[in-house]
Amino acid sequence: MITIKTPGKLMLAGDWSVLESGNHCIVMPIDKYVTVTLEKTEAQISTICAPDIYHETIQISWHNSQLHIITKLSEEQKKLFLTVQKALEIVLSYIQEQNLEHSENIEIDNTENRENFALTISSEISTLTLPDGTITKPGLGSSAAITVAVITALLDLHDFDVTSVIAKNIIFKLAYLAHIQSQGNMGSGFDIAACTFEKVITYQRLDPIWLVKKIQTTESLTELVNTKWPQLVIAPIIIPDNMRVIVGFVGTSAKTTNLLSLVQTFKKRDPEKYREIIHNLETIVKNLIEQLTQHNNHTTIIKLISEHRDFLKKLSELCDNQLETPELTKLITIAQEHHAGAKFSGAGGGDCGIAICFDEITAQKIKISWTENGITPLDISIKK
């Protein structure tokens, strides 16, 4: 049996500004996971079981370069299955291309040499049960983690290397291509990178215009994956051992697509102001990277996080106050009252906020105060 564990993520800095090519973010993997287990099967079909996501086992087959869903699904089930479906289509296509290349070299046709499998997905990050029993989505990158885990597990099943740096880069690119297909838009990819490399990283977005053209003009996945992607930078970063990242869930789940529409509308309405905010966020991210890696001045790190929040709040105000919600403002204000830096993490609009401090007493005080004010502290640590 193959078991792959892929972490969720949190954004430390670079929220929204990383969407612009050439900009950076700092993204952190967490100690909560999507786990995929995979077994070979002698059956003529493969099965996917994800009790946290679907209510039934889904049967599939792969024939003539096409994924066929045998189980009859409702429209809602199709939407839920799309993340896994696109991951399977991408990785099985890649495996088929590698088999074809191998068969041409040894003059044996083994293009159908794929294993059928039973795949099970379990997730610690897809849903969150609140104190009142409500089940919600916390925004910890579950779809990205599922995509990476499924692709990694299928490659491992077919005896591909999944551990080297080269292998991780291939997995990232395959997962990114699958993720943009399932999400219906060209995201930045920072969440895929954090899930793939499982380290705190600085991430610079690839050139999306180049990728769109390359997808349209490249016939094989192998060529696309082996090509250097312009502007893409993924680099590990060491954060201080004593830096506490406290995570609070504000009780509502965000709809990123709605928020993206608001930001894009503002960008078109006032491009100069938009560029100014994005430039300031990028400057703060670069200064924060320098502080974390070279100086480790606690006061300055907290100050930079607070300044980052200020520009995110300005962006929110220009987007009908939909990014930093009143609940997130409460989370941030409480943390600042305890002399911590705080901000929303990711797109905003709900989900999680984070607070940064450097001692456990302050961290515990913030958690207690959050709880007293209806904010749920999450039992999450950063994988450093």
Foldseek 3Di string as FASTA:
>chain_A
DDKDWFFFKWWLADFPLLQDFLFKTWMFTWPWTKMKDKDFDPDQWAWEAEVVQDPDIWIWHADPLDIGTPDDDDPVVCLSCLLVRLLVSLLLQQVLVVQCVVCVVVVHRCSVVATGMYMYIYGPQQWDQDPVRDIDHQPRLPSLRSSLNSSLRRCVVVPHDCPDPLNLLLSLVSSQVSVCVSVVHNGQSPRNNCRSVVATWMWGGFDVVVLVVCVVPDDGSVVVSPDDGHSTDIGHADFDPQKDKWKKFLPDDADLVVLVVLLVVLCVVCVVVNVVLSVVSSVLNVVLSCCRHPPVDQLVNQVSLQVSQVSVCVSCVSSVVQFCPPSNVVLQVLLVVLVWRKHQIHRHNGRMIITIDRDDVSSVSSCVVCVVVRIHIDPMDTRD
